[in-house]
C-alpha atoms as a PDB file:
ATOM      1  CA  UNK A   1     150.409 130.559 135.914  1.00  0.00           C
ATOM      2  CA  UNK A   2     151.420 127.388 134.810  1.00  0.00           C
ATOM      3  CA  UNK A   3     153.061 126.150 138.476  1.00  0.00           C
ATOM      4  CA  UNK A   4     151.466 126.260 141.556  1.00  0.00           C
ATOM      5  CA  UNK A   5     153.823 126.759 144.738  1.00  0.00           C
ATOM      6  CA  UNK A   6     153.038 124.341 147.478  1.00  0.00           C
ATOM      7  CA  UNK A   7     149.961 124.767 149.429  1.00  0.00           C
ATOM      8  CA  UNK A   8     149.200 123.394 152.813  1.00  0.00           C
ATOM      9  CA  UNK A   9     145.031 123.037 153.346  1.00  0.00           C
ATOM     10  CA  UNK A  10     143.078 121.477 156.093  1.00  0.00           C
ATOM     11  CA  UNK A  11     141.204 118.646 154.977  1.00  0.00           C
ATOM     12  CA  UNK A  12     137.787 119.244 153.063  1.00  0.00           C
ATOM     13  CA  UNK A  13     134.862 117.391 152.096  1.00  0.00           C
ATOM     14  CA  UNK A  14     134.824 115.635 149.023  1.00  0.00           C
ATOM     15  CA  UNK A  15     131.793 116.987 148.029  1.00  0.00           C
ATOM     16  CA  UNK A  16     132.737 120.745 148.202  1.00  0.00           C
ATOM     17  CA  UNK A  17     135.036 119.877 145.354  1.00  0.00           C
ATOM     18  CA  UNK A  18     133.009 117.337 143.153  1.00  0.00           C
ATOM     19  CA  UNK A  19     129.556 119.149 142.767  1.00  0.00           C
ATOM     20  CA  UNK A  20     126.505 117.243 141.484  1.00  0.00           C
ATOM     21  CA  UNK A  21     124.304 114.380 142.306  1.00  0.00           C
ATOM     22  CA  UNK A  22     124.333 112.396 138.660  1.00  0.00           C
ATOM     23  CA  UNK A  23     125.342 108.898 138.524  1.00  0.00           C
ATOM     24  CA  UNK A  24     128.816 109.679 137.149  1.00  0.00           C
ATOM     25  CA  UNK A  25     129.631 112.344 139.928  1.00  0.00           C
ATOM     26  CA  UNK A  26     128.547 109.886 142.481  1.00  0.00           C
ATOM     27  CA  UNK A  27     130.499 107.145 141.309  1.00  0.00           C
ATOM     28  CA  UNK A  28     133.611 109.482 140.850  1.00  0.00           C
ATOM     29  CA  UNK A  29     133.259 110.674 144.553  1.00  0.00           C
ATOM     30  CA  UNK A  30     133.042 106.960 145.533  1.00  0.00           C
ATOM     31  CA  UNK A  31     136.308 106.307 143.556  1.00  0.00           C
ATOM     32  CA  UNK A  32     137.928 109.181 145.147  1.00  0.00           C
ATOM     33  CA  UNK A  33     137.098 108.396 148.492  1.00  0.00           C
ATOM     34  CA  UNK A  34     138.609 104.745 147.919  1.00  0.00           C
ATOM     35  CA  UNK A  35     142.055 105.930 146.668  1.00  0.00           C
ATOM     36  CA  UNK A  36     142.507 109.029 148.796  1.00  0.00           C
ATOM     37  CA  UNK A  37     144.160 107.359 151.765  1.00  0.00           C
ATOM     38  CA  UNK A  38     146.201 105.123 149.553  1.00  0.00           C
ATOM     39  CA  UNK A  39     149.785 106.084 148.488  1.00  0.00           C
ATOM     40  CA  UNK A  40     149.327 104.698 144.747  1.00  0.00           C
ATOM     41  CA  UNK A  41     149.815 106.926 141.885  1.00  0.00           C
ATOM     42  CA  UNK A  42     146.648 107.789 140.131  1.00  0.00           C
ATOM     43  CA  UNK A  43     145.834 109.091 136.746  1.00  0.00           C
ATOM     44  CA  UNK A  44     143.088 111.103 135.858  1.00  0.00           C
ATOM     45  CA  UNK A  45     141.486 111.019 132.401  1.00  0.00           C
ATOM     46  CA  UNK A  46     139.239 113.223 130.652  1.00  0.00           C
ATOM     47  CA  UNK A  47     138.424 116.104 128.234  1.00  0.00           C
ATOM     48  CA  UNK A  48     139.890 119.718 128.768  1.00  0.00           C
ATOM     49  CA  UNK A  49     137.649 121.740 130.892  1.00  0.00           C
ATOM     50  CA  UNK A  50     136.152 118.986 132.803  1.00  0.00           C
ATOM     51  CA  UNK A  51     137.685 119.282 136.067  1.00  0.00           C
ATOM     52  CA  UNK A  52     140.817 117.057 136.302  1.00  0.00           C
ATOM     53  CA  UNK A  53     142.479 119.299 138.692  1.00  0.00           C
ATOM     54  CA  UNK A  54     139.573 119.520 141.119  1.00  0.00           C
ATOM     55  CA  UNK A  55     139.613 115.932 141.171  1.00  0.00           C
ATOM     56  CA  UNK A  56     143.328 116.045 141.943  1.00  0.00           C
ATOM     57  CA  UNK A  57     142.643 118.526 144.642  1.00  0.00           C
ATOM     58  CA  UNK A  58     140.083 116.206 146.031  1.00  0.00           C
ATOM     59  CA  UNK A  59     142.069 113.098 146.287  1.00  0.00           C
ATOM     60  CA  UNK A  60     144.818 115.328 148.322  1.00  0.00           C
ATOM     61  CA  UNK A  61     142.228 117.124 150.469  1.00  0.00           C
ATOM     62  CA  UNK A  62     140.584 113.700 151.532  1.00  0.00           C
ATOM     63  CA  UNK A  63     143.857 111.651 151.980  1.00  0.00           C
ATOM     64  CA  UNK A  64     146.161 111.373 154.984  1.00  0.00           C
ATOM     65  CA  UNK A  65     148.509 114.060 153.063  1.00  0.00           C
ATOM     66  CA  UNK A  66     145.769 116.933 153.282  1.00  0.00           C
ATOM     67  CA  UNK A  67     148.059 119.152 155.747  1.00  0.00           C
ATOM     68  CA  UNK A  68     150.910 118.506 153.513  1.00  0.00           C
ATOM     69  CA  UNK A  69     151.980 120.301 150.565  1.00  0.00           C
ATOM     70  CA  UNK A  70     150.277 120.037 147.354  1.00  0.00           C
ATOM     71  CA  UNK A  71     152.228 121.176 144.454  1.00  0.00           C
ATOM     72  CA  UNK A  72     150.797 121.400 140.665  1.00  0.00           C
ATOM     73  CA  UNK A  73     152.851 121.602 137.532  1.00  0.00           C
ATOM     74  CA  UNK A  74     151.517 121.819 133.831  1.00  0.00           C
ATOM     75  CA  UNK A  75     154.146 119.723 132.077  1.00  0.00           C
ATOM     76  CA  UNK A  76     152.690 121.359 128.468  1.00  0.00           C
ATOM     77  CA  UNK A  77     153.197 124.869 129.780  1.00  0.00           C
ATOM     78  CA  UNK A  78     156.925 124.621 130.679  1.00  0.00           C
ATOM     79  CA  UNK A  79     159.445 125.070 127.978  1.00  0.00           C
ATOM     80  CA  UNK A  80     161.232 121.673 127.326  1.00  0.00           C
ATOM     81  CA  UNK A  81     164.621 123.088 128.415  1.00  0.00           C
ATOM     82  CA  UNK A  82     163.123 123.878 132.037  1.00  0.00           C
ATOM     83  CA  UNK A  83     160.974 120.902 132.908  1.00  0.00           C
ATOM     84  CA  UNK A  84     163.856 119.209 134.591  1.00  0.00           C
ATOM     85  CA  UNK A  85     164.925 122.194 136.839  1.00  0.00           C
ATOM     86  CA  UNK A  86     161.229 122.780 137.513  1.00  0.00           C
ATOM     87  CA  UNK A  87     160.807 119.067 138.811  1.00  0.00           C
ATOM     88  CA  UNK A  88     164.156 118.295 140.427  1.00  0.00           C
ATOM     89  CA  UNK A  89     165.547 121.645 140.891  1.00  0.00           C
ATOM     90  CA  UNK A  90     169.299 122.883 140.262  1.00  0.00           C
ATOM     91  CA  UNK A  91     172.281 123.963 141.942  1.00  0.00           C
ATOM     92  CA  UNK A  92     173.746 127.420 141.660  1.00  0.00           C
ATOM     93  CA  UNK A  93     176.054 127.610 138.335  1.00  0.00           C
ATOM     94  CA  UNK A  94     174.512 124.441 136.746  1.00  0.00           C
ATOM     95  CA  UNK A  95     173.929 126.148 133.586  1.00  0.00           C
ATOM     96  CA  UNK A  96     173.876 129.795 132.365  1.00  0.00           C
ATOM     97  CA  UNK A  97     171.517 131.870 134.493  1.00  0.00           C
ATOM     98  CA  UNK A  98     171.528 129.701 137.284  1.00  0.00           C
ATOM     99  CA  UNK A  99     172.470 132.124 140.092  1.00  0.00           C
ATOM    100  CA  UNK A 100     171.174 130.548 143.085  1.00  0.00           C
ATOM    101  CA  UNK A 101     170.150 126.952 144.161  1.00  0.00           C
ATOM    102  CA  UNK A 102     166.720 126.037 143.162  1.00  0.00           C
ATOM    103  CA  UNK A 103     164.569 123.702 144.991  1.00  0.00           C
ATOM    104  CA  UNK A 104     162.252 121.652 142.597  1.00  0.00           C
ATOM    105  CA  UNK A 105     158.905 120.574 142.733  1.00  0.00           C
ATOM    106  CA  UNK A 106     159.668 117.202 144.185  1.00  0.00           C
ATOM    107  CA  UNK A 107     161.351 118.691 147.034  1.00  0.00           C
ATOM    108  CA  UNK A 108     158.550 120.899 147.720  1.00  0.00           C
ATOM    109  CA  UNK A 109     155.965 118.250 147.730  1.00  0.00           C
ATOM    110  CA  UNK A 110     157.710 116.030 149.993  1.00  0.00           C
ATOM    111  CA  UNK A 111     155.252 114.128 152.215  1.00  0.00           C
ATOM    112  CA  UNK A 112     152.526 115.824 149.970  1.00  0.00           C
ATOM    113  CA  UNK A 113     151.128 115.598 146.595  1.00  0.00           C
ATOM    114  CA  UNK A 114     152.544 116.492 143.242  1.00  0.00           C
ATOM    115  CA  UNK A 115     150.148 116.820 140.590  1.00  0.00           C
ATOM    116  CA  UNK A 116     151.396 116.649 136.926  1.00  0.00           C
ATOM    117  CA  UNK A 117     149.171 118.107 134.527  1.00  0.00           C
ATOM    118  CA  UNK A 118     149.143 117.069 130.983  1.00  0.00           C
ATOM    119  CA  UNK A 119     151.522 114.399 131.306  1.00  0.00           C
ATOM    120  CA  UNK A 120     151.182 113.296 127.892  1.00  0.00           C
ATOM    121  CA  UNK A 121     153.019 116.555 126.538  1.00  0.00           C
ATOM    122  CA  UNK A 122     155.991 115.606 128.601  1.00  0.00           C
ATOM    123  CA  UNK A 123     159.050 115.302 126.162  1.00  0.00           C
ATOM    124  CA  UNK A 124     160.405 111.426 125.800  1.00  0.00           C
ATOM    125  CA  UNK A 125     163.666 112.046 127.628  1.00  0.00           C
ATOM    126  CA  UNK A 126     162.129 113.784 130.754  1.00  0.00           C
ATOM    127  CA  UNK A 127     160.054 110.601 130.955  1.00  0.00           C
ATOM    128  CA  UNK A 128     162.952 108.394 131.472  1.00  0.00           C
ATOM    129  CA  UNK A 129     164.227 110.522 134.369  1.00  0.00           C
ATOM    130  CA  UNK A 130     160.880 110.853 135.784  1.00  0.00           C
ATOM    131  CA  UNK A 131     160.292 107.047 135.695  1.00  0.00           C
ATOM    132  CA  UNK A 132     163.604 106.567 137.403  1.00  0.00           C
ATOM    133  CA  UNK A 133     162.449 108.700 140.368  1.00  0.00           C
ATOM    134  CA  UNK A 134     159.257 107.035 140.793  1.00  0.00           C
ATOM    135  CA  UNK A 135     161.256 103.701 141.157  1.00  0.00           C
ATOM    136  CA  UNK A 136     163.872 105.015 143.276  1.00  0.00           C
ATOM    137  CA  UNK A 137     162.404 107.388 145.373  1.00  0.00           C
ATOM    138  CA  UNK A 138     165.436 109.898 144.817  1.00  0.00           C
ATOM    139  CA  UNK A 139     165.900 112.790 142.949  1.00  0.00           C
ATOM    140  CA  UNK A 140     169.125 114.842 141.650  1.00  0.00           C
ATOM    141  CA  UNK A 141     169.191 118.517 141.152  1.00  0.00           C
ATOM    142  CA  UNK A 142     170.557 119.636 137.974  1.00  0.00           C
ATOM    143  CA  UNK A 143     174.603 120.108 138.273  1.00  0.00           C
ATOM    144  CA  UNK A 144     174.248 118.160 141.962  1.00  0.00           C
ATOM    145  CA  UNK A 145     176.396 115.065 142.810  1.00  0.00           C
ATOM    146  CA  UNK A 146     173.931 113.731 145.625  1.00  0.00           C
ATOM    147  CA  UNK A 147     170.637 112.129 145.584  1.00  0.00           C
ATOM    148  CA  UNK A 148     167.944 113.222 147.829  1.00  0.00           C
ATOM    149  CA  UNK A 149     164.962 111.209 149.163  1.00  0.00           C
ATOM    150  CA  UNK A 150     161.432 112.091 148.704  1.00  0.00           C
ATOM    151  CA  UNK A 151     158.501 110.889 149.553  1.00  0.00           C
ATOM    152  CA  UNK A 152     155.780 112.230 147.028  1.00  0.00           C
ATOM    153  CA  UNK A 153     152.327 110.902 145.977  1.00  0.00           C
ATOM    154  CA  UNK A 154     151.790 111.355 142.120  1.00  0.00           C
ATOM    155  CA  UNK A 155     148.634 112.489 140.655  1.00  0.00           C
ATOM    156  CA  UNK A 156     148.680 112.859 136.930  1.00  0.00           C
ATOM    157  CA  UNK A 157     146.424 113.947 134.520  1.00  0.00           C
ATOM    158  CA  UNK A 158     145.670 113.965 130.555  1.00  0.00           C
ATOM    159  CA  UNK A 159     143.174 114.639 127.959  1.00  0.00           C
ATOM    160  CA  UNK A 160     145.150 112.518 125.537  1.00  0.00           C
ATOM    161  CA  UNK A 161     144.834 108.902 124.364  1.00  0.00           C
ATOM    162  CA  UNK A 162     147.988 107.727 125.917  1.00  0.00           C
ATOM    163  CA  UNK A 163     147.408 104.168 124.419  1.00  0.00           C
ATOM    164  CA  UNK A 164     147.480 105.757 121.297  1.00  0.00           C
ATOM    165  CA  UNK A 165     150.522 107.952 122.189  1.00  0.00           C
ATOM    166  CA  UNK A 166     152.531 104.545 123.215  1.00  0.00           C
ATOM    167  CA  UNK A 167     151.512 103.117 120.121  1.00  0.00           C
ATOM    168  CA  UNK A 168     152.848 105.940 118.310  1.00  0.00           C
ATOM    169  CA  UNK A 169     156.275 105.884 120.210  1.00  0.00           C
ATOM    170  CA  UNK A 170     155.495 109.454 122.129  1.00  0.00           C
ATOM    171  CA  UNK A 171     154.874 108.025 125.517  1.00  0.00           C
ATOM    172  CA  UNK A 172     156.529 105.194 127.573  1.00  0.00           C
ATOM    173  CA  UNK A 173     154.437 102.322 128.422  1.00  0.00           C
ATOM    174  CA  UNK A 174     156.578 101.628 131.591  1.00  0.00           C
ATOM    175  CA  UNK A 175     155.780 105.202 132.725  1.00  0.00           C
ATOM    176  CA  UNK A 176     152.288 104.716 131.799  1.00  0.00           C
ATOM    177  CA  UNK A 177     151.388 101.772 134.192  1.00  0.00           C
ATOM    178  CA  UNK A 178     153.774 103.528 136.783  1.00  0.00           C
ATOM    179  CA  UNK A 179     151.467 106.645 136.734  1.00  0.00           C
ATOM    180  CA  UNK A 180     148.256 104.660 136.270  1.00  0.00           C
ATOM    181  CA  UNK A 181     147.983 102.459 138.999  1.00  0.00           C
ATOM    182  CA  UNK A 182     144.530 103.762 139.438  1.00  0.00           C
ATOM    183  CA  UNK A 183     142.669 105.239 136.416  1.00  0.00           C
ATOM    184  CA  UNK A 184     139.878 107.754 136.980  1.00  0.00           C
ATOM    185  CA  UNK A 185     137.447 109.227 134.521  1.00  0.00           C
ATOM    186  CA  UNK A 186     136.106 112.733 134.680  1.00  0.00           C
ATOM    187  CA  UNK A 187     132.744 112.615 132.665  1.00  0.00           C
ATOM    188  CA  UNK A 188     132.244 115.508 130.568  1.00  0.00           C
ATOM    189  CA  UNK A 189     129.436 118.256 131.426  1.00  0.00           C
ATOM    190  CA  UNK A 190     127.056 117.067 128.603  1.00  0.00           C
ATOM    191  CA  UNK A 191     127.353 113.453 130.348  1.00  0.00           C
ATOM    192  CA  UNK A 192     126.073 114.839 133.769  1.00  0.00           C
ATOM    193  CA  UNK A 193     124.008 117.935 132.757  1.00  0.00           C
ATOM    194  CA  UNK A 194     121.585 117.318 135.532  1.00  0.00           C
ATOM    195  CA  UNK A 195     124.191 118.742 137.665  1.00  0.00           C
ATOM    196  CA  UNK A 196     124.004 122.154 135.917  1.00  0.00           C
ATOM    197  CA  UNK A 197     121.733 123.843 138.717  1.00  0.00           C
ATOM    198  CA  UNK A 198     124.194 122.592 141.593  1.00  0.00           C
ATOM    199  CA  UNK A 199     127.188 123.842 139.649  1.00  0.00           C
ATOM    200  CA  UNK A 200     125.448 127.452 138.829  1.00  0.00           C
ATOM    201  CA  UNK A 201     124.945 127.538 142.699  1.00  0.00           C
ATOM    202  CA  UNK A 202     128.530 126.841 143.528  1.00  0.00           C
ATOM    203  CA  UNK A 203     129.850 129.316 140.646  1.00  0.00           C
ATOM    204  CA  UNK A 204     127.535 131.968 142.583  1.00  0.00           C
ATOM    205  CA  UNK A 205     128.260 131.062 146.019  1.00  0.00           C
ATOM    206  CA  UNK A 206     129.874 134.168 147.814  1.00  0.00           C
ATOM    207  CA  UNK A 207     128.139 136.620 145.717  1.00  0.00           C
ATOM    208  CA  UNK A 208     125.426 138.957 147.127  1.00  0.00           C
ATOM    209  CA  UNK A 209     122.390 137.886 145.520  1.00  0.00           C
ATOM    210  CA  UNK A 210     121.799 141.258 143.689  1.00  0.00           C
ATOM    211  CA  UNK A 211     124.889 140.495 141.729  1.00  0.00           C
ATOM    212  CA  UNK A 212     123.352 136.976 140.747  1.00  0.00           C
ATOM    213  CA  UNK A 213     121.552 136.151 137.432  1.00  0.00           C
ATOM    214  CA  UNK A 214     118.729 134.184 138.189  1.00  0.00           C
ATOM    215  CA  UNK A 215     117.862 131.291 135.668  1.00  0.00           C
ATOM    216  CA  UNK A 216     114.234 130.190 135.234  1.00  0.00           C
ATOM    217  CA  UNK A 217     113.136 126.724 134.105  1.00  0.00           C
ATOM    218  CA  UNK A 218     113.447 127.302 130.452  1.00  0.00           C
ATOM    219  CA  UNK A 219     117.091 128.465 130.861  1.00  0.00           C
ATOM    220  CA  UNK A 220     117.994 125.524 132.879  1.00  0.00           C
ATOM    221  CA  UNK A 221     116.601 123.158 130.166  1.00  0.00           C
ATOM    222  CA  UNK A 222     118.435 125.088 127.279  1.00  0.00           C
ATOM    223  CA  UNK A 223     121.569 124.736 129.242  1.00  0.00           C
ATOM    224  CA  UNK A 224     120.965 121.289 129.963  1.00  0.00           C
ATOM    225  CA  UNK A 225     120.437 120.977 125.992  1.00  0.00           C
ATOM    226  CA  UNK A 226     123.635 122.341 125.241  1.00  0.00           C
ATOM    227  CA  UNK A 227     126.727 119.970 124.192  1.00  0.00           C
ATOM    228  CA  UNK A 228     129.251 121.860 126.019  1.00  0.00           C
ATOM    229  CA  UNK A 229     132.442 121.683 124.271  1.00  0.00           C
ATOM    230  CA  UNK A 230     134.379 123.458 127.110  1.00  0.00           C
ATOM    231  CA  UNK A 231     132.868 121.443 129.825  1.00  0.00           C
ATOM    232  CA  UNK A 232     132.560 123.011 133.154  1.00  0.00           C
ATOM    233  CA  UNK A 233     135.023 125.685 132.603  1.00  0.00           C
ATOM    234  CA  UNK A 234     132.603 126.936 129.484  1.00  0.00           C
ATOM    235  CA  UNK A 235     129.586 126.753 131.885  1.00  0.00           C
ATOM    236  CA  UNK A 236     131.655 128.671 134.561  1.00  0.00           C
ATOM    237  CA  UNK A 237     132.247 131.535 132.026  1.00  0.00           C
ATOM    238  CA  UNK A 238     128.500 131.511 130.823  1.00  0.00           C
ATOM    239  CA  UNK A 239     127.547 132.335 134.473  1.00  0.00           C
ATOM    240  CA  UNK A 240     129.887 135.130 135.018  1.00  0.00           C
ATOM    241  CA  UNK A 241     128.762 136.386 131.891  1.00  0.00           C
ATOM    242  CA  UNK A 242     125.460 136.206 132.741  1.00  0.00           C
ATOM    243  CA  UNK A 243     126.111 137.903 136.169  1.00  0.00           C
ATOM    244  CA  UNK A 244     127.741 140.655 134.231  1.00  0.00           C
ATOM    245  CA  UNK A 245     124.837 141.180 131.822  1.00  0.00           C
ATOM    246  CA  UNK A 246     122.033 140.353 133.792  1.00  0.00           C
ATOM    247  CA  UNK A 247     122.768 140.594 137.275  1.00  0.00           C
ATOM    248  CA  UNK A 248     119.774 140.883 139.447  1.00  0.00           C
ATOM    249  CA  UNK A 249     117.439 139.643 136.577  1.00  0.00           C
ATOM    250  CA  UNK A 250     115.716 136.278 135.662  1.00  0.00           C
ATOM    251  CA  UNK A 251     116.682 135.242 132.434  1.00  0.00           C
ATOM    252  CA  UNK A 252     114.880 132.393 130.054  1.00  0.00           C
ATOM    253  CA  UNK A 253     115.760 130.128 127.374  1.00  0.00           C
ATOM    254  CA  UNK A 254     116.168 133.039 124.788  1.00  0.00           C
ATOM    255  CA  UNK A 255     118.842 134.847 126.954  1.00  0.00           C
ATOM    256  CA  UNK A 256     120.722 131.761 127.487  1.00  0.00           C
ATOM    257  CA  UNK A 257     120.915 131.610 123.635  1.00  0.00           C
ATOM    258  CA  UNK A 258     122.442 134.684 123.576  1.00  0.00           C
ATOM    259  CA  UNK A 259     124.835 133.993 126.049  1.00  0.00           C
ATOM    260  CA  UNK A 260     126.064 131.062 124.090  1.00  0.00           C
ATOM    261  CA  UNK A 261     126.047 133.248 120.995  1.00  0.00           C
ATOM    262  CA  UNK A 262     123.208 131.565 119.234  1.00  0.00           C
ATOM    263  CA  UNK A 263     120.596 134.251 119.089  1.00  0.00           C
ATOM    264  CA  UNK A 264     120.374 137.874 118.191  1.00  0.00           C
ATOM    265  CA  UNK A 265     119.622 140.272 121.021  1.00  0.00           C
ATOM    266  CA  UNK A 266     115.982 141.101 121.552  1.00  0.00           C
ATOM    267  CA  UNK A 267     114.929 144.551 120.113  1.00  0.00           C
ATOM    268  CA  UNK A 268     112.242 146.513 121.779  1.00  0.00           C
ATOM    269  CA  UNK A 269     110.633 147.526 118.506  1.00  0.00           C
ATOM    270  CA  UNK A 270     106.947 146.465 118.025  1.00  0.00           C
ATOM    271  CA  UNK A 271     106.352 144.870 114.488  1.00  0.00           C
ATOM    272  CA  UNK A 272     104.029 146.430 112.049  1.00  0.00           C
ATOM    273  CA  UNK A 273     100.560 144.944 112.341  1.00  0.00           C
ATOM    274  CA  UNK A 274      99.952 142.419 109.480  1.00  0.00           C
ATOM    275  CA  UNK A 275      96.608 142.707 107.417  1.00  0.00           C
ATOM    276  CA  UNK A 276      94.029 140.197 109.067  1.00  0.00           C
ATOM    277  CA  UNK A 277      92.475 138.334 106.145  1.00  0.00           C
ATOM    278  CA  UNK A 278      88.702 137.663 106.208  1.00  0.00           C
ATOM    279  CA  UNK A 279      87.739 134.607 107.936  1.00  0.00           C
ATOM    280  CA  UNK A 280      84.586 132.793 109.218  1.00  0.00           C
ATOM    281  CA  UNK A 281      83.624 133.481 112.487  1.00  0.00           C
ATOM    282  CA  UNK A 282      84.997 130.604 114.696  1.00  0.00           C
ATOM    283  CA  UNK A 283      82.410 127.599 115.575  1.00  0.00           C
ATOM    284  CA  UNK A 284      81.952 126.705 118.973  1.00  0.00           C
ATOM    285  CA  UNK A 285      83.647 123.283 119.783  1.00  0.00           C
ATOM    286  CA  UNK A 286      81.509 120.297 120.555  1.00  0.00           C
ATOM    287  CA  UNK A 287      82.232 118.047 123.314  1.00  0.00           C
ATOM    288  CA  UNK A 288      79.992 114.695 122.296  1.00  0.00           C
ATOM    289  CA  UNK A 289      82.549 112.511 124.437  1.00  0.00           C
ATOM    290  CA  UNK A 290      85.417 112.849 126.769  1.00  0.00           C
ATOM    291  CA  UNK A 291      88.705 113.597 125.357  1.00  0.00           C
ATOM    292  CA  UNK A 292      91.853 111.544 126.324  1.00  0.00           C
ATOM    293  CA  UNK A 293      94.118 114.317 126.653  1.00  0.00           C
ATOM    294  CA  UNK A 294      97.089 111.999 127.869  1.00  0.00           C
ATOM    295  CA  UNK A 295      96.836 109.983 124.767  1.00  0.00           C
ATOM    296  CA  UNK A 296      96.676 112.877 122.355  1.00  0.00           C
ATOM    297  CA  UNK A 297      99.824 114.423 124.092  1.00  0.00           C
ATOM    298  CA  UNK A 298     101.637 111.059 123.842  1.00  0.00           C
ATOM    299  CA  UNK A 299     100.744 110.875 119.920  1.00  0.00           C
ATOM    300  CA  UNK A 300     102.251 114.264 119.426  1.00  0.00           C
ATOM    301  CA  UNK A 301     105.358 113.408 121.199  1.00  0.00           C
ATOM    302  CA  UNK A 302     105.810 110.237 119.523  1.00  0.00           C
ATOM    303  CA  UNK A 303     105.434 112.099 116.197  1.00  0.00           C
ATOM    304  CA  UNK A 304     107.850 114.532 117.056  1.00  0.00           C
ATOM    305  CA  UNK A 305     110.285 111.908 118.199  1.00  0.00           C
ATOM    306  CA  UNK A 306     110.094 109.827 115.052  1.00  0.00           C
ATOM    307  CA  UNK A 307     110.375 113.028 112.979  1.00  0.00           C
ATOM    308  CA  UNK A 308     113.489 114.187 114.767  1.00  0.00           C
ATOM    309  CA  UNK A 309     115.086 110.785 114.454  1.00  0.00           C
ATOM    310  CA  UNK A 310     114.373 110.686 110.675  1.00  0.00           C
ATOM    311  CA  UNK A 311     116.069 113.975 110.431  1.00  0.00           C
ATOM    312  CA  UNK A 312     119.024 112.922 112.331  1.00  0.00           C
ATOM    313  CA  UNK A 313     119.328 109.671 110.512  1.00  0.00           C
ATOM    314  CA  UNK A 314     118.688 107.675 113.411  1.00  0.00           C
ATOM    315  CA  UNK A 315     121.574 109.354 115.511  1.00  0.00           C
ATOM    316  CA  UNK A 316     120.090 109.572 119.141  1.00  0.00           C
ATOM    317  CA  UNK A 317     122.568 112.178 120.232  1.00  0.00           C
ATOM    318  CA  UNK A 318     121.512 114.660 117.123  1.00  0.00           C
ATOM    319  CA  UNK A 319     117.714 113.888 117.613  1.00  0.00           C
ATOM    320  CA  UNK A 320     118.045 114.779 121.130  1.00  0.00           C
ATOM    321  CA  UNK A 321     119.740 118.076 120.267  1.00  0.00           C
ATOM    322  CA  UNK A 322     116.912 118.741 117.743  1.00  0.00           C
ATOM    323  CA  UNK A 323     114.270 118.176 120.535  1.00  0.00           C
ATOM    324  CA  UNK A 324     116.208 119.916 123.090  1.00  0.00           C
ATOM    325  CA  UNK A 325     116.322 116.953 125.333  1.00  0.00           C
ATOM    326  CA  UNK A 326     118.842 114.999 127.083  1.00  0.00           C
ATOM    327  CA  UNK A 327     120.288 112.009 125.323  1.00  0.00           C
ATOM    328  CA  UNK A 328     119.124 110.025 128.238  1.00  0.00           C
ATOM    329  CA  UNK A 329     115.873 111.629 128.407  1.00  0.00           C
ATOM    330  CA  UNK A 330     115.311 110.668 124.620  1.00  0.00           C
ATOM    331  CA  UNK A 331     116.244 106.942 124.995  1.00  0.00           C
ATOM    332  CA  UNK A 332     113.601 106.582 127.920  1.00  0.00           C
ATOM    333  CA  UNK A 333     111.190 108.131 125.942  1.00  0.00           C
ATOM    334  CA  UNK A 334     112.030 105.777 122.986  1.00  0.00           C
ATOM    335  CA  UNK A 335     111.885 102.683 125.153  1.00  0.00           C
ATOM    336  CA  UNK A 336     108.581 103.881 126.457  1.00  0.00           C
ATOM    337  CA  UNK A 337     106.718 104.092 123.013  1.00  0.00           C
ATOM    338  CA  UNK A 338     108.936 101.074 121.553  1.00  0.00           C
ATOM    339  CA  UNK A 339     110.735 103.284 118.725  1.00  0.00           C
ATOM    340  CA  UNK A 340     113.753 101.515 117.120  1.00  0.00           C
ATOM    341  CA  UNK A 341     115.881 104.139 115.591  1.00  0.00           C
ATOM    342  CA  UNK A 342     117.325 101.207 113.218  1.00  0.00           C
ATOM    343  CA  UNK A 343     114.359 101.227 111.142  1.00  0.00           C
ATOM    344  CA  UNK A 344     113.979 105.069 110.697  1.00  0.00           C
ATOM    345  CA  UNK A 345     115.562 106.407 107.630  1.00  0.00           C
END
């Protein structure tokens, strides 16, 4: 469904909506707390699947309007000819097929919150009408003669670059400033990959343990190294897929690659033994002096980092992918060893 009917809920802690202890999520939760009890319009920006509506629900649930209606409308999913009726309602006979009066989402959200998702997809003439309602606090149903006062907090969201849309003449600058009194950015999952274990636990909450798929350390590391183009939505699908295919099992990095479509399934076929060439018997290792194991490991790590940066033409994110590290982890190691990617060709 592209439209949420009015929902009235009890106040809930922000932490139950915004999962994770990474720095970006702590910052986002702090901003949500700051804006929750205000009535100012909030615009939430972020990539598709990053959880923009979850942030909108958190703002509503943590604010003074939590016990009132929360109504959501996806502006990009409503046919252009119906968007005005959906927002403002219509009177009986206002147009062909209008056989009864319809209450619009502004009226349904009175005293509560109206979430306008994908606001960048709203057609230009509707932007003018929306701006008028936001400035006057009055709505007129299609085919009606009277203006009705409404008290609604507007939260909008978009994955588009609205500044570019304004420059292209596709979005009104005055509406942008009216909707974006407060701008919030939702980080991508790749920017907060350390939150993945907590998100997995959240997605599996309420299920019996026998229905869970358990992820070992190598599986978590592999998940954190993924670039997550589908963001949190993609992770949720991966967890559900793992629960179906491996419920009750503990999976490793190889199984994660299978879930991500990057590896062929394991085959339970023993390979034919290869002939072993003649070799001299191993010689006993001599220990004439202590071995600095830490220095040897660091030397190997430094060599691998330099090699990966060389293959990646100095691009840190690509080198991190080759090393199956988080970008921030690679940067820390580069600082530790004094590696400058600019000189690596």
